[in-house]
């Protein structure tokens, strides 16, 4: 995205419209990537923060920094 911005910023007058179109497309891709990332983080963090023990009580949140916990969620759920 930064490169597309620089090309637009440095474009000559006759290239300005095309460079802006490319920059705008890069912004759209960046927004889409951010939305996908946010959705994936939501999917991963919800099970980590909403676990229940065998008696139906909510357990304290697990650390979201644990790569093992994240891998378990991606693999189909947490295993006790």
Protein backbone atom coordinates (compact mmCIF):
# COMPACT_ATOMS: atom_id res chain seq x y z
CA UNK A 1 0.00 0.00 0.00
CA UNK A 2 2.84 2.36 0.83
CA UNK A 3 4.41 1.76 -2.58
CA UNK A 4 1.10 2.49 -4.33
CA UNK A 5 0.80 5.73 -2.38
CA UNK A 6 4.32 6.76 -3.36
CA UNK A 7 3.62 6.02 -7.04
CA UNK A 8 0.48 8.16 -6.84
CA UNK A 9 2.30 10.95 -5.00
CA UNK A 10 5.10 11.02 -7.56
CA UNK A 11 2.93 10.49 -10.66
CA UNK A 12 3.05 12.97 -13.49
CA UNK A 13 -0.22 14.69 -14.40
CA UNK A 14 -1.01 12.28 -17.24
CA UNK A 15 -0.46 9.28 -14.92
CA UNK A 16 -2.21 10.70 -11.87
CA UNK A 17 -5.64 9.14 -12.45
CA UNK A 18 -4.24 5.65 -13.04
CA UNK A 19 -1.91 5.94 -10.04
CA UNK A 20 -4.80 7.06 -7.82
CA UNK A 21 -6.92 4.13 -9.05
CA UNK A 22 -4.10 1.73 -8.13
CA UNK A 23 -3.72 3.38 -4.72
CA UNK A 24 -7.47 3.18 -4.11
CA UNK A 25 -7.43 -0.53 -5.00
CA UNK A 26 -4.55 -1.06 -2.55
CA UNK A 27 -6.60 0.66 0.17
CA UNK A 28 -9.55 -1.62 -0.59
CA UNK A 29 -7.33 -4.72 -0.33
CA UNK A 30 -5.90 -3.46 2.96
CA UNK A 31 -9.40 -2.91 4.35
CA UNK A 32 -10.47 -6.40 3.25
CA UNK A 33 -7.40 -7.95 4.87
CA UNK A 34 -8.15 -6.07 8.10
CA UNK A 35 -11.74 -7.28 8.11
CA UNK A 36 -10.66 -10.89 7.55
CA UNK A 37 -8.09 -10.60 10.33
CA UNK A 38 -10.68 -9.16 12.73
CA UNK A 39 -13.08 -11.98 11.94
CA UNK A 40 -10.43 -14.65 12.55
CA UNK A 41 -9.35 -13.06 15.83
CA UNK A 42 -12.99 -13.02 16.91
CA UNK A 43 -13.39 -16.70 16.09
CA UNK A 44 -10.26 -17.61 18.02
CA UNK A 45 -10.78 -15.41 21.05
CA UNK A 46 -14.45 -16.23 21.71
CA UNK A 47 -13.83 -19.87 22.70
CA UNK A 48 -10.78 -18.85 24.73
CA UNK A 49 -12.81 -16.37 26.77
CA UNK A 50 -16.11 -18.25 27.09
CA UNK A 51 -15.11 -21.69 28.33
CA UNK A 52 -17.25 -23.59 30.82
CA UNK A 53 -16.20 -26.31 33.19
CA UNK A 54 -18.10 -29.59 33.53
CA UNK A 55 -20.60 -27.99 35.93
CA UNK A 56 -21.65 -25.19 33.55
CA UNK A 57 -19.56 -22.53 35.26
CA UNK A 58 -17.55 -20.14 33.15
CA UNK A 59 -13.83 -20.59 33.67
CA UNK A 60 -11.32 -17.73 33.67
CA UNK A 61 -10.10 -16.69 30.22
CA UNK A 62 -7.13 -18.51 28.84
CA UNK A 63 -4.12 -16.60 27.61
CA UNK A 64 -4.63 -15.67 23.97
CA UNK A 65 -0.88 -15.57 23.57
CA UNK A 66 -0.56 -19.33 23.86
CA UNK A 67 0.09 -20.69 20.39
CA UNK A 68 -1.03 -24.13 21.58
CA UNK A 69 -4.46 -22.76 22.58
CA UNK A 70 -4.84 -20.93 19.28
CA UNK A 71 -3.83 -24.05 17.35
CA UNK A 72 -6.41 -26.07 19.26
CA UNK A 73 -9.18 -23.62 18.41
CA UNK A 74 -8.21 -23.63 14.75
CA UNK A 75 -8.16 -27.42 14.83
CA UNK A 76 -11.75 -27.65 16.01
CA UNK A 77 -11.96 -26.55 19.61
CA UNK A 78 -10.22 -26.62 22.94
CA UNK A 79 -9.46 -29.93 24.52
CA UNK A 80 -9.35 -30.29 28.29
